[in-house]
C-alpha atoms as a PDB file:
ATOM      1  CA  MET A   1     -72.986 -37.781 -46.108  1.00  0.00           C
ATOM      2  CA  LYS A   2     -73.014 -37.831 -49.903  1.00  0.00           C
ATOM      3  CA  LEU A   3     -70.515 -39.767 -51.998  1.00  0.00           C
ATOM      4  CA  LEU A   4     -69.810 -37.020 -54.547  1.00  0.00           C
ATOM      5  CA  THR A   5     -70.368 -33.270 -54.447  1.00  0.00           C
ATOM      6  CA  VAL A   6     -70.569 -31.594 -57.846  1.00  0.00           C
ATOM      7  CA  ALA A   7     -70.249 -27.825 -57.810  1.00  0.00           C
ATOM      8  CA  ILE A   8     -71.603 -25.905 -60.805  1.00  0.00           C
ATOM      9  CA  PRO A   9     -70.303 -22.311 -60.868  1.00  0.00           C
ATOM     10  CA  CYS A  10     -72.890 -20.161 -62.660  1.00  0.00           C
ATOM     11  CA  TYR A  11     -72.667 -16.584 -63.866  1.00  0.00           C
ATOM     12  CA  ASN A  12     -75.455 -15.506 -66.229  1.00  0.00           C
ATOM     13  CA  SER A  13     -75.853 -19.157 -67.179  1.00  0.00           C
ATOM     14  CA  ALA A  14     -79.639 -19.281 -67.575  1.00  0.00           C
ATOM     15  CA  ALA A  15     -79.452 -20.247 -71.253  1.00  0.00           C
ATOM     16  CA  TYR A  16     -77.510 -23.483 -70.755  1.00  0.00           C
ATOM     17  CA  MET A  17     -77.099 -24.474 -67.083  1.00  0.00           C
ATOM     18  CA  SER A  18     -80.038 -26.915 -67.103  1.00  0.00           C
ATOM     19  CA  HIS A  19     -78.206 -29.322 -69.408  1.00  0.00           C
ATOM     20  CA  ALA A  20     -75.321 -29.642 -66.954  1.00  0.00           C
ATOM     21  CA  ILE A  21     -77.685 -30.091 -64.017  1.00  0.00           C
ATOM     22  CA  GLU A  22     -79.858 -32.693 -65.737  1.00  0.00           C
ATOM     23  CA  THR A  23     -76.896 -34.905 -66.677  1.00  0.00           C
ATOM     24  CA  ILE A  24     -75.581 -34.883 -63.093  1.00  0.00           C
ATOM     25  CA  LEU A  25     -79.025 -35.574 -61.624  1.00  0.00           C
ATOM     26  CA  THR A  26     -78.810 -39.059 -63.143  1.00  0.00           C
ATOM     27  CA  GLY A  27     -76.384 -39.884 -60.307  1.00  0.00           C
ATOM     28  CA  GLY A  28     -79.358 -39.881 -57.907  1.00  0.00           C
ATOM     29  CA  GLU A  29     -78.943 -39.714 -54.140  1.00  0.00           C
ATOM     30  CA  ASP A  30     -75.211 -40.530 -54.266  1.00  0.00           C
ATOM     31  CA  VAL A  31     -74.677 -37.023 -55.600  1.00  0.00           C
ATOM     32  CA  GLU A  32     -74.927 -33.588 -54.054  1.00  0.00           C
ATOM     33  CA  ILE A  33     -75.264 -30.780 -56.605  1.00  0.00           C
ATOM     34  CA  LEU A  34     -74.294 -27.289 -55.486  1.00  0.00           C
ATOM     35  CA  ILE A  35     -75.442 -24.612 -57.932  1.00  0.00           C
ATOM     36  CA  ILE A  36     -73.290 -21.582 -57.153  1.00  0.00           C
ATOM     37  CA  ASN A  37     -74.986 -18.438 -58.415  1.00  0.00           C
ATOM     38  CA  ASP A  38     -72.077 -16.001 -58.603  1.00  0.00           C
ATOM     39  CA  GLY A  39     -73.988 -12.717 -58.645  1.00  0.00           C
ATOM     40  CA  SER A  40     -75.793 -13.388 -61.927  1.00  0.00           C
ATOM     41  CA  LYS A  41     -77.964 -10.701 -63.516  1.00  0.00           C
ATOM     42  CA  ASP A  42     -80.195 -13.007 -65.564  1.00  0.00           C
ATOM     43  CA  ASP A  43     -82.524 -15.822 -64.432  1.00  0.00           C
ATOM     44  CA  THR A  44     -79.721 -18.031 -63.064  1.00  0.00           C
ATOM     45  CA  ALA A  45     -80.819 -17.503 -59.439  1.00  0.00           C
ATOM     46  CA  LYS A  46     -84.442 -18.326 -60.248  1.00  0.00           C
ATOM     47  CA  ILE A  47     -83.498 -21.523 -62.119  1.00  0.00           C
ATOM     48  CA  ALA A  48     -81.167 -22.579 -59.294  1.00  0.00           C
ATOM     49  CA  ASP A  49     -83.910 -22.116 -56.690  1.00  0.00           C
ATOM     50  CA  GLU A  50     -86.433 -24.003 -58.828  1.00  0.00           C
ATOM     51  CA  TYR A  51     -84.079 -26.986 -59.061  1.00  0.00           C
ATOM     52  CA  ALA A  52     -83.322 -26.850 -55.331  1.00  0.00           C
ATOM     53  CA  ASN A  53     -87.062 -26.849 -54.518  1.00  0.00           C
ATOM     54  CA  LYS A  54     -87.727 -29.719 -56.918  1.00  0.00           C
ATOM     55  CA  TYR A  55     -84.804 -31.887 -55.700  1.00  0.00           C
ATOM     56  CA  PRO A  56     -84.294 -30.848 -52.044  1.00  0.00           C
ATOM     57  CA  THR A  57     -82.281 -33.956 -51.108  1.00  0.00           C
ATOM     58  CA  ILE A  58     -79.861 -33.572 -54.011  1.00  0.00           C
ATOM     59  CA  ILE A  59     -79.569 -29.909 -54.996  1.00  0.00           C
ATOM     60  CA  ARG A  60     -78.677 -26.806 -53.009  1.00  0.00           C
ATOM     61  CA  ALA A  61     -78.612 -23.309 -54.461  1.00  0.00           C
ATOM     62  CA  ILE A  62     -75.915 -21.031 -53.093  1.00  0.00           C
ATOM     63  CA  HIS A  63     -76.162 -17.324 -53.890  1.00  0.00           C
ATOM     64  CA  GLN A  64     -73.206 -14.998 -53.463  1.00  0.00           C
ATOM     65  CA  GLU A  65     -71.896 -11.644 -54.614  1.00  0.00           C
ATOM     66  CA  ASN A  66     -69.870 -11.894 -57.799  1.00  0.00           C
ATOM     67  CA  GLY A  67     -66.425 -13.241 -56.954  1.00  0.00           C
ATOM     68  CA  GLY A  68     -65.501 -14.959 -60.191  1.00  0.00           C
ATOM     69  CA  HIS A  69     -65.070 -18.613 -61.093  1.00  0.00           C
ATOM     70  CA  GLY A  70     -62.490 -19.268 -58.378  1.00  0.00           C
ATOM     71  CA  GLU A  71     -64.659 -17.921 -55.581  1.00  0.00           C
ATOM     72  CA  ALA A  72     -67.565 -20.036 -56.850  1.00  0.00           C
ATOM     73  CA  VAL A  73     -65.319 -23.121 -56.641  1.00  0.00           C
ATOM     74  CA  ASN A  74     -64.263 -22.014 -53.137  1.00  0.00           C
ATOM     75  CA  ALA A  75     -67.925 -21.664 -52.108  1.00  0.00           C
ATOM     76  CA  GLY A  76     -68.624 -25.151 -53.392  1.00  0.00           C
ATOM     77  CA  LEU A  77     -65.702 -26.577 -51.432  1.00  0.00           C
ATOM     78  CA  ARG A  78     -66.764 -24.761 -48.247  1.00  0.00           C
ATOM     79  CA  ASN A  79     -70.293 -26.172 -48.501  1.00  0.00           C
ATOM     80  CA  ALA A  80     -69.543 -29.657 -49.839  1.00  0.00           C
ATOM     81  CA  THR A  81     -70.712 -32.640 -47.782  1.00  0.00           C
ATOM     82  CA  GLY A  82     -69.576 -35.275 -50.290  1.00  0.00           C
ATOM     83  CA  LEU A  83     -66.504 -37.444 -49.728  1.00  0.00           C
ATOM     84  CA  TYR A  84     -65.323 -36.426 -53.206  1.00  0.00           C
ATOM     85  CA  TYR A  85     -65.491 -33.115 -55.041  1.00  0.00           C
ATOM     86  CA  LYS A  86     -65.967 -32.363 -58.730  1.00  0.00           C
ATOM     87  CA  VAL A  87     -66.415 -29.063 -60.590  1.00  0.00           C
ATOM     88  CA  VAL A  88     -68.573 -28.945 -63.730  1.00  0.00           C
ATOM     89  CA  ASP A  89     -68.783 -25.621 -65.522  1.00  0.00           C
ATOM     90  CA  SER A  90     -72.306 -24.494 -66.343  1.00  0.00           C
ATOM     91  CA  ASP A  91     -71.839 -24.717 -70.133  1.00  0.00           C
ATOM     92  CA  ASP A  92     -70.339 -28.215 -69.931  1.00  0.00           C
ATOM     93  CA  TRP A  93     -71.924 -31.512 -68.920  1.00  0.00           C
ATOM     94  CA  VAL A  94     -71.120 -35.125 -68.033  1.00  0.00           C
ATOM     95  CA  ASN A  95     -71.881 -38.385 -69.765  1.00  0.00           C
ATOM     96  CA  GLU A  96     -74.591 -40.164 -67.754  1.00  0.00           C
ATOM     97  CA  GLU A  97     -73.214 -43.689 -68.224  1.00  0.00           C
ATOM     98  CA  SER A  98     -69.729 -42.535 -67.298  1.00  0.00           C
ATOM     99  CA  LEU A  99     -71.113 -40.858 -64.169  1.00  0.00           C
ATOM    100  CA  LYS A 100     -72.494 -44.237 -63.073  1.00  0.00           C
ATOM    101  CA  GLU A 101     -69.050 -45.770 -63.637  1.00  0.00           C
ATOM    102  CA  VAL A 102     -67.371 -43.015 -61.590  1.00  0.00           C
ATOM    103  CA  LEU A 103     -69.840 -43.483 -58.732  1.00  0.00           C
ATOM    104  CA  GLY A 104     -69.309 -47.251 -58.909  1.00  0.00           C
ATOM    105  CA  VAL A 105     -65.550 -46.848 -58.452  1.00  0.00           C
ATOM    106  CA  LEU A 106     -65.997 -44.391 -55.573  1.00  0.00           C
ATOM    107  CA  HIS A 107     -68.412 -46.803 -53.877  1.00  0.00           C
ATOM    108  CA  LYS A 108     -65.818 -49.597 -54.179  1.00  0.00           C
ATOM    109  CA  MET A 109     -63.156 -47.393 -52.613  1.00  0.00           C
ATOM    110  CA  VAL A 110     -65.367 -46.529 -49.654  1.00  0.00           C
ATOM    111  CA  GLU A 111     -66.544 -50.113 -49.143  1.00  0.00           C
ATOM    112  CA  SER A 112     -62.980 -51.471 -49.238  1.00  0.00           C
ATOM    113  CA  GLY A 113     -61.663 -48.760 -46.925  1.00  0.00           C
ATOM    114  CA  THR A 114     -59.293 -47.449 -49.601  1.00  0.00           C
ATOM    115  CA  ASN A 115     -58.243 -43.844 -49.068  1.00  0.00           C
ATOM    116  CA  LEU A 116     -58.370 -42.751 -52.699  1.00  0.00           C
ATOM    117  CA  ASP A 117     -57.044 -39.210 -53.199  1.00  0.00           C
ATOM    118  CA  LEU A 118     -57.630 -38.607 -56.906  1.00  0.00           C
ATOM    119  CA  LEU A 119     -59.740 -40.206 -59.611  1.00  0.00           C
ATOM    120  CA  VAL A 120     -58.825 -39.311 -63.201  1.00  0.00           C
ATOM    121  CA  ALA A 121     -61.167 -39.823 -66.176  1.00  0.00           C
ATOM    122  CA  ASN A 122     -61.187 -38.790 -69.841  1.00  0.00           C
ATOM    123  CA  TYR A 123     -62.732 -35.604 -71.196  1.00  0.00           C
ATOM    124  CA  VAL A 124     -64.090 -34.793 -74.645  1.00  0.00           C
ATOM    125  CA  TYR A 125     -63.739 -31.515 -76.546  1.00  0.00           C
ATOM    126  CA  GLU A 126     -67.280 -30.668 -77.649  1.00  0.00           C
ATOM    127  CA  LYS A 127     -66.040 -28.089 -80.153  1.00  0.00           C
ATOM    128  CA  VAL A 128     -68.577 -26.218 -82.268  1.00  0.00           C
ATOM    129  CA  GLY A 129     -68.148 -27.057 -85.948  1.00  0.00           C
ATOM    130  CA  ALA A 130     -65.678 -29.904 -85.380  1.00  0.00           C
ATOM    131  CA  ARG A 131     -66.525 -33.036 -87.357  1.00  0.00           C
ATOM    132  CA  ARG A 132     -64.661 -35.342 -85.012  1.00  0.00           C
ATOM    133  CA  LYS A 133     -64.747 -34.950 -81.252  1.00  0.00           C
ATOM    134  CA  LYS A 134     -61.279 -35.024 -79.712  1.00  0.00           C
ATOM    135  CA  VAL A 135     -61.031 -37.326 -76.696  1.00  0.00           C
ATOM    136  CA  MET A 136     -58.290 -36.707 -74.139  1.00  0.00           C
ATOM    137  CA  ASN A 137     -57.351 -39.997 -72.508  1.00  0.00           C
ATOM    138  CA  TYR A 138     -54.471 -41.132 -70.310  1.00  0.00           C
ATOM    139  CA  ARG A 139     -54.086 -44.742 -71.485  1.00  0.00           C
ATOM    140  CA  SER A 140     -50.389 -44.435 -72.282  1.00  0.00           C
ATOM    141  CA  ALA A 141     -49.595 -42.599 -69.037  1.00  0.00           C
ATOM    142  CA  LEU A 142     -51.654 -44.209 -66.278  1.00  0.00           C
ATOM    143  CA  PRO A 143     -52.495 -47.784 -65.224  1.00  0.00           C
ATOM    144  CA  ARG A 144     -56.157 -48.553 -65.763  1.00  0.00           C
ATOM    145  CA  ASN A 145     -58.832 -49.735 -63.352  1.00  0.00           C
ATOM    146  CA  LYS A 146     -56.691 -50.077 -60.251  1.00  0.00           C
ATOM    147  CA  VAL A 147     -55.370 -47.988 -57.383  1.00  0.00           C
ATOM    148  CA  PHE A 148     -51.774 -46.856 -57.968  1.00  0.00           C
ATOM    149  CA  GLY A 149     -49.150 -44.348 -56.822  1.00  0.00           C
ATOM    150  CA  TRP A 150     -46.890 -41.891 -58.654  1.00  0.00           C
ATOM    151  CA  ALA A 151     -44.190 -44.564 -58.980  1.00  0.00           C
ATOM    152  CA  ASP A 152     -46.531 -46.500 -61.294  1.00  0.00           C
ATOM    153  CA  VAL A 153     -47.109 -43.554 -63.644  1.00  0.00           C
ATOM    154  CA  LYS A 154     -45.592 -43.776 -67.125  1.00  0.00           C
ATOM    155  CA  PHE A 155     -44.608 -40.880 -69.393  1.00  0.00           C
ATOM    156  CA  PHE A 156     -47.117 -38.021 -69.815  1.00  0.00           C
ATOM    157  CA  LYS A 157     -47.304 -36.589 -73.302  1.00  0.00           C
ATOM    158  CA  THR A 158     -47.669 -32.810 -73.369  1.00  0.00           C
ATOM    159  CA  SER A 159     -51.245 -33.292 -74.579  1.00  0.00           C
ATOM    160  CA  GLN A 160     -52.023 -35.380 -71.489  1.00  0.00           C
ATOM    161  CA  TYR A 161     -51.604 -32.783 -68.803  1.00  0.00           C
ATOM    162  CA  ILE A 162     -54.405 -33.144 -66.299  1.00  0.00           C
ATOM    163  CA  LEU A 163     -57.122 -30.486 -66.385  1.00  0.00           C
ATOM    164  CA  MET A 164     -59.956 -29.715 -63.992  1.00  0.00           C
ATOM    165  CA  HIS A 165     -62.209 -31.632 -66.387  1.00  0.00           C
ATOM    166  CA  SER A 166     -60.220 -34.817 -65.699  1.00  0.00           C
ATOM    167  CA  VAL A 167     -60.222 -34.852 -61.917  1.00  0.00           C
ATOM    168  CA  VAL A 168     -62.330 -35.913 -58.973  1.00  0.00           C
ATOM    169  CA  TYR A 169     -60.469 -35.056 -55.747  1.00  0.00           C
ATOM    170  CA  ARG A 170     -61.076 -36.286 -52.224  1.00  0.00           C
ATOM    171  CA  THR A 171     -62.770 -33.335 -50.527  1.00  0.00           C
ATOM    172  CA  LYS A 172     -60.720 -33.533 -47.326  1.00  0.00           C
ATOM    173  CA  LEU A 173     -57.465 -33.481 -49.298  1.00  0.00           C
ATOM    174  CA  LEU A 174     -58.456 -30.227 -51.001  1.00  0.00           C
ATOM    175  CA  ARG A 175     -59.291 -28.680 -47.627  1.00  0.00           C
ATOM    176  CA  ASP A 176     -56.178 -30.035 -45.919  1.00  0.00           C
ATOM    177  CA  CYS A 177     -53.845 -28.620 -48.583  1.00  0.00           C
ATOM    178  CA  GLY A 178     -55.333 -25.158 -47.979  1.00  0.00           C
ATOM    179  CA  LEU A 179     -56.718 -24.708 -51.474  1.00  0.00           C
ATOM    180  CA  ILE A 180     -58.280 -21.260 -51.842  1.00  0.00           C
ATOM    181  CA  LEU A 181     -58.562 -19.863 -55.357  1.00  0.00           C
ATOM    182  CA  PRO A 182     -58.174 -16.129 -56.003  1.00  0.00           C
ATOM    183  CA  LYS A 183     -61.261 -14.011 -56.620  1.00  0.00           C
ATOM    184  CA  HIS A 184     -62.082 -12.304 -59.907  1.00  0.00           C
ATOM    185  CA  THR A 185     -59.475 -14.342 -61.780  1.00  0.00           C
ATOM    186  CA  PHE A 186     -59.894 -16.619 -64.777  1.00  0.00           C
ATOM    187  CA  TYR A 187     -57.758 -19.725 -65.444  1.00  0.00           C
ATOM    188  CA  VAL A 188     -57.747 -20.740 -61.760  1.00  0.00           C
ATOM    189  CA  ASP A 189     -58.620 -24.294 -62.816  1.00  0.00           C
ATOM    190  CA  ASN A 190     -54.866 -24.741 -63.299  1.00  0.00           C
ATOM    191  CA  ILE A 191     -54.272 -23.948 -59.602  1.00  0.00           C
ATOM    192  CA  PHE A 192     -57.128 -26.278 -58.638  1.00  0.00           C
ATOM    193  CA  VAL A 193     -55.435 -29.214 -60.330  1.00  0.00           C
ATOM    194  CA  TYR A 194     -51.805 -28.316 -59.623  1.00  0.00           C
ATOM    195  CA  GLN A 195     -51.610 -27.217 -55.985  1.00  0.00           C
ATOM    196  CA  PRO A 196     -53.001 -30.419 -54.371  1.00  0.00           C
ATOM    197  CA  LEU A 197     -50.828 -32.844 -56.389  1.00  0.00           C
ATOM    198  CA  PRO A 198     -47.971 -33.156 -53.846  1.00  0.00           C
ATOM    199  CA  GLN A 199     -50.536 -34.378 -51.267  1.00  0.00           C
ATOM    200  CA  VAL A 200     -51.895 -37.045 -53.629  1.00  0.00           C
ATOM    201  CA  LYS A 201     -50.646 -40.515 -52.719  1.00  0.00           C
ATOM    202  CA  THR A 202     -53.265 -42.793 -54.306  1.00  0.00           C
ATOM    203  CA  LEU A 203     -54.773 -42.447 -57.785  1.00  0.00           C
ATOM    204  CA  TYR A 204     -57.240 -44.339 -59.959  1.00  0.00           C
ATOM    205  CA  TYR A 205     -57.636 -43.937 -63.716  1.00  0.00           C
ATOM    206  CA  LEU A 206     -61.067 -44.768 -65.120  1.00  0.00           C
ATOM    207  CA  ASP A 207     -60.870 -44.968 -68.910  1.00  0.00           C
ATOM    208  CA  THR A 208     -64.283 -43.511 -69.658  1.00  0.00           C
ATOM    209  CA  ASN A 209     -65.265 -40.361 -71.551  1.00  0.00           C
ATOM    210  CA  PHE A 210     -66.794 -38.657 -68.533  1.00  0.00           C
ATOM    211  CA  TYR A 211     -66.568 -34.870 -68.949  1.00  0.00           C
ATOM    212  CA  ARG A 212     -67.854 -33.004 -71.990  1.00  0.00           C
ATOM    213  CA  TYR A 213     -65.966 -29.749 -72.463  1.00  0.00           C
ATOM    214  CA  PHE A 214     -67.885 -27.297 -74.631  1.00  0.00           C
ATOM    215  CA  ILE A 215     -65.802 -24.949 -76.810  1.00  0.00           C
ATOM    216  CA  GLY A 216     -67.342 -22.430 -79.131  1.00  0.00           C
ATOM    217  CA  ARG A 217     -68.792 -19.375 -77.386  1.00  0.00           C
ATOM    218  CA  GLU A 218     -67.165 -16.151 -78.549  1.00  0.00           C
ATOM    219  CA  ASP A 219     -66.887 -14.847 -74.985  1.00  0.00           C
ATOM    220  CA  GLN A 220     -65.397 -18.082 -73.664  1.00  0.00           C
ATOM    221  CA  SER A 221     -62.321 -17.699 -71.467  1.00  0.00           C
ATOM    222  CA  VAL A 222     -60.198 -19.980 -73.692  1.00  0.00           C
ATOM    223  CA  ASN A 223     -60.923 -17.932 -76.820  1.00  0.00           C
ATOM    224  CA  GLU A 224     -57.482 -16.615 -77.822  1.00  0.00           C
ATOM    225  CA  SER A 225     -58.475 -12.953 -78.152  1.00  0.00           C
ATOM    226  CA  VAL A 226     -60.243 -13.153 -74.778  1.00  0.00           C
ATOM    227  CA  MET A 227     -57.143 -14.735 -73.235  1.00  0.00           C
ATOM    228  CA  ILE A 228     -54.964 -11.888 -74.536  1.00  0.00           C
ATOM    229  CA  SER A 229     -57.370  -9.318 -73.079  1.00  0.00           C
ATOM    230  CA  ARG A 230     -57.138 -11.124 -69.716  1.00  0.00           C
ATOM    231  CA  ILE A 231     -53.408 -11.772 -69.853  1.00  0.00           C
ATOM    232  CA  ASP A 232     -52.769 -10.214 -66.442  1.00  0.00           C
ATOM    233  CA  GLN A 233     -54.971 -12.925 -64.911  1.00  0.00           C
ATOM    234  CA  GLN A 234     -53.084 -15.662 -66.778  1.00  0.00           C
ATOM    235  CA  ILE A 235     -49.817 -14.213 -65.422  1.00  0.00           C
ATOM    236  CA  ARG A 236     -51.246 -14.042 -61.900  1.00  0.00           C
ATOM    237  CA  VAL A 237     -52.262 -17.699 -62.003  1.00  0.00           C
ATOM    238  CA  THR A 238     -48.841 -18.731 -63.326  1.00  0.00           C
ATOM    239  CA  LYS A 239     -47.085 -16.847 -60.503  1.00  0.00           C
ATOM    240  CA  ILE A 240     -49.367 -18.422 -57.877  1.00  0.00           C
ATOM    241  CA  MET A 241     -48.445 -21.854 -59.247  1.00  0.00           C
ATOM    242  CA  ILE A 242     -44.738 -21.000 -59.132  1.00  0.00           C
ATOM    243  CA  ASP A 243     -45.103 -19.897 -55.498  1.00  0.00           C
ATOM    244  CA  SER A 244     -47.357 -22.742 -54.334  1.00  0.00           C
ATOM    245  CA  LYS A 245     -44.586 -25.336 -54.100  1.00  0.00           C
ATOM    246  CA  ASN A 246     -40.861 -25.610 -54.761  1.00  0.00           C
ATOM    247  CA  VAL A 247     -41.307 -28.544 -57.094  1.00  0.00           C
ATOM    248  CA  LEU A 248     -37.586 -29.324 -57.097  1.00  0.00           C
ATOM    249  CA  GLN A 249     -37.982 -30.463 -53.465  1.00  0.00           C
ATOM    250  CA  ILE A 250     -40.517 -33.147 -54.399  1.00  0.00           C
ATOM    251  CA  LYS A 251     -38.902 -36.525 -53.791  1.00  0.00           C
ATOM    252  CA  ASN A 252     -40.914 -38.571 -56.260  1.00  0.00           C
ATOM    253  CA  ARG A 253     -39.173 -38.062 -59.587  1.00  0.00           C
ATOM    254  CA  LYS A 254     -42.237 -38.713 -61.748  1.00  0.00           C
ATOM    255  CA  LEU A 255     -44.447 -36.284 -59.853  1.00  0.00           C
ATOM    256  CA  LYS A 256     -41.674 -33.684 -59.851  1.00  0.00           C
ATOM    257  CA  ASN A 257     -41.161 -33.990 -63.617  1.00  0.00           C
ATOM    258  CA  TYR A 258     -44.888 -33.790 -64.259  1.00  0.00           C
ATOM    259  CA  MET A 259     -45.260 -30.605 -62.213  1.00  0.00           C
ATOM    260  CA  ILE A 260     -42.252 -29.025 -63.928  1.00  0.00           C
ATOM    261  CA  LYS A 261     -43.793 -29.849 -67.304  1.00  0.00           C
ATOM    262  CA  TYR A 262     -47.096 -28.294 -66.192  1.00  0.00           C
ATOM    263  CA  LEU A 263     -45.297 -25.074 -65.222  1.00  0.00           C
ATOM    264  CA  SER A 264     -43.459 -25.124 -68.566  1.00  0.00           C
ATOM    265  CA  ILE A 265     -46.786 -25.205 -70.388  1.00  0.00           C
ATOM    266  CA  MET A 266     -48.112 -22.316 -68.274  1.00  0.00           C
ATOM    267  CA  MET A 267     -45.000 -20.256 -69.001  1.00  0.00           C
ATOM    268  CA  THR A 268     -45.334 -21.082 -72.709  1.00  0.00           C
ATOM    269  CA  VAL A 269     -49.009 -20.140 -72.967  1.00  0.00           C
ATOM    270  CA  SER A 270     -48.445 -16.878 -71.085  1.00  0.00           C
ATOM    271  CA  SER A 271     -45.386 -16.018 -73.172  1.00  0.00           C
ATOM    272  CA  VAL A 272     -46.903 -16.678 -76.568  1.00  0.00           C
ATOM    273  CA  LEU A 273     -50.051 -14.683 -75.789  1.00  0.00           C
ATOM    274  CA  LEU A 274     -47.892 -11.762 -74.676  1.00  0.00           C
ATOM    275  CA  ILE A 275     -45.865 -12.057 -77.886  1.00  0.00           C
ATOM    276  CA  LYS A 276     -48.970 -12.324 -80.080  1.00  0.00           C
ATOM    277  CA  SER A 277     -50.481  -9.184 -78.599  1.00  0.00           C
ATOM    278  CA  GLY A 278     -47.619  -7.297 -80.242  1.00  0.00           C
ATOM    279  CA  THR A 279     -47.439  -4.439 -77.732  1.00  0.00           C
ATOM    280  CA  ALA A 280     -44.225  -3.194 -76.124  1.00  0.00           C
ATOM    281  CA  GLU A 281     -45.977  -3.277 -72.745  1.00  0.00           C
ATOM    282  CA  ASN A 282     -46.812  -6.961 -73.065  1.00  0.00           C
ATOM    283  CA  LEU A 283     -43.348  -7.878 -74.326  1.00  0.00           C
ATOM    284  CA  GLU A 284     -42.000  -6.312 -71.137  1.00  0.00           C
ATOM    285  CA  LYS A 285     -44.546  -8.345 -69.133  1.00  0.00           C
ATOM    286  CA  LYS A 286     -43.151 -11.488 -70.749  1.00  0.00           C
ATOM    287  CA  ARG A 287     -39.614 -10.554 -69.703  1.00  0.00           C
ATOM    288  CA  GLU A 288     -40.877  -9.715 -66.219  1.00  0.00           C
ATOM    289  CA  LEU A 289     -42.601 -13.112 -65.885  1.00  0.00           C
ATOM    290  CA  TRP A 290     -39.384 -14.948 -66.721  1.00  0.00           C
ATOM    291  CA  ARG A 291     -37.469 -12.678 -64.322  1.00  0.00           C
ATOM    292  CA  TYR A 292     -40.004 -13.521 -61.625  1.00  0.00           C
ATOM    293  CA  LEU A 293     -39.419 -17.257 -62.099  1.00  0.00           C
ATOM    294  CA  LYS A 294     -35.646 -16.690 -62.023  1.00  0.00           C
ATOM    295  CA  GLU A 295     -35.825 -14.653 -58.806  1.00  0.00           C
ATOM    296  CA  GLN A 296     -38.195 -17.077 -57.054  1.00  0.00           C
ATOM    297  CA  ASN A 297     -36.395 -20.257 -58.075  1.00  0.00           C
ATOM    298  CA  PRO A 298     -33.179 -19.928 -60.132  1.00  0.00           C
ATOM    299  CA  ARG A 299     -32.733 -23.698 -60.545  1.00  0.00           C
ATOM    300  CA  LEU A 300     -36.303 -24.159 -61.761  1.00  0.00           C
ATOM    301  CA  TYR A 301     -35.853 -21.195 -64.120  1.00  0.00           C
ATOM    302  CA  ARG A 302     -32.791 -22.829 -65.700  1.00  0.00           C
ATOM    303  CA  LYS A 303     -34.602 -26.150 -66.016  1.00  0.00           C
ATOM    304  CA  ILE A 304     -37.688 -24.671 -67.701  1.00  0.00           C
ATOM    305  CA  ARG A 305     -35.700 -22.177 -69.794  1.00  0.00           C
ATOM    306  CA  SER A 306     -33.479 -24.945 -71.162  1.00  0.00           C
ATOM    307  CA  ASN A 307     -36.270 -27.223 -72.387  1.00  0.00           C
ATOM    308  CA  LEU A 308     -37.661 -26.960 -75.897  1.00  0.00           C
ATOM    309  CA  LEU A 309     -40.756 -24.958 -74.940  1.00  0.00           C
ATOM    310  CA  GLY A 310     -38.724 -22.542 -72.826  1.00  0.00           C
ATOM    311  CA  GLN A 311     -36.131 -22.023 -75.542  1.00  0.00           C
ATOM    312  CA  SER A 312     -38.761 -21.371 -78.204  1.00  0.00           C
ATOM    313  CA  MET A 313     -40.403 -18.655 -76.073  1.00  0.00           C
ATOM    314  CA  ASN A 314     -37.193 -16.685 -75.599  1.00  0.00           C
ATOM    315  CA  LEU A 315     -35.775 -16.289 -79.096  1.00  0.00           C
ATOM    316  CA  PRO A 316     -34.458 -12.723 -79.576  1.00  0.00           C
ATOM    317  CA  GLY A 317     -35.812 -10.027 -81.905  1.00  0.00           C
ATOM    318  CA  GLU A 318     -38.866  -9.829 -84.154  1.00  0.00           C
ATOM    319  CA  SER A 319     -37.854 -12.880 -86.195  1.00  0.00           C
ATOM    320  CA  GLY A 320     -37.428 -14.795 -82.934  1.00  0.00           C
ATOM    321  CA  ARG A 321     -40.909 -13.784 -81.834  1.00  0.00           C
ATOM    322  CA  LYS A 322     -42.335 -14.984 -85.157  1.00  0.00           C
ATOM    323  CA  MET A 323     -40.573 -18.320 -84.680  1.00  0.00           C
ATOM    324  CA  SER A 324     -41.988 -18.533 -81.162  1.00  0.00           C
ATOM    325  CA  ILE A 325     -45.531 -18.067 -82.484  1.00  0.00           C
ATOM    326  CA  LEU A 326     -44.968 -20.609 -85.253  1.00  0.00           C
ATOM    327  CA  GLY A 327     -43.578 -23.113 -82.763  1.00  0.00           C
ATOM    328  CA  TYR A 328     -46.568 -22.539 -80.509  1.00  0.00           C
ATOM    329  CA  LYS A 329     -49.036 -23.053 -83.373  1.00  0.00           C
ATOM    330  CA  ILE A 330     -47.378 -26.331 -84.311  1.00  0.00           C
ATOM    331  CA  SER A 331     -47.340 -27.444 -80.663  1.00  0.00           C
ATOM    332  CA  ARG A 332     -50.993 -26.496 -80.215  1.00  0.00           C
ATOM    333  CA  LYS A 333     -51.975 -28.517 -83.277  1.00  0.00           C
ATOM    334  CA  ILE A 334     -49.999 -31.539 -82.096  1.00  0.00           C
ATOM    335  CA  TYR A 335     -50.701 -31.348 -78.366  1.00  0.00           C
ATOM    336  CA  GLY A 336     -54.049 -29.537 -78.238  1.00  0.00           C
ATOM    337  CA  PHE A 337     -53.374 -26.775 -75.757  1.00  0.00           C
ATOM    338  CA  ASN A 338     -56.239 -24.326 -75.174  1.00  0.00           C
END
């Protein structure tokens, strides 16, 4: 059995997937790399097979009909033999020294018999044209270099919400919580992080700049115009997160507050994109999304609606919508969403 499975979802990734693969290969035999070819039409399949033939004890190529990013993550989870599971997108990569640190911590957990559920590490925005690389760390929110529980967590800033880039989950925990991501849907990384959290009892924060998150392709899913064109998928993901758990029933106050804040951010991002599109149809979708939250969980609706982000997304009239966009822009600059 491997220590860490790294799944690399690939769709027409021939131009850049090798960089991701090469950085993860530095983990050696501790690592299993699953290259998930999600119905690519370029040379992705050929490159995946070449790597699998060259490194048969480390790399497996998995070919499937196109099912989208979520189904590629699902395929990785179904096939993983590692004790821990990490997703690295094909245009991103990991820092080799940090990978050694991550593997070192996981080895310690196994050797000591510690049932670690979630390892969190920093990620770096590798943004095209940016002079300074923005590092997302959790120093003010999480204890460093030790196993801890939710009771030991401090205050999360809005900029410190945990993304897929930050996490290494215990594989069995992901399977036990029934995690299955929807097909043909972008932004499912939010479900990947969010849904398993109530099952997480033990955490470890490694203060190292592990994941390198590339931002800059025009067709990238986090490009604002692309997000607006795919707004129905953003809404779908937000609704799945609302339905996945009644967060108000979570006993641990810190975990409950964190998950409420995460949902607030999802509602905010969805709302502002619907507002920015400027169409009557999308403004109605915004109202429908808030109605959905109210119908599914009235208490949670009141809690999210009453906080600053919720209030700013529901100001009436055209002037209110302009204020919502302005508030979002300021928040994005301060907190670094998408």
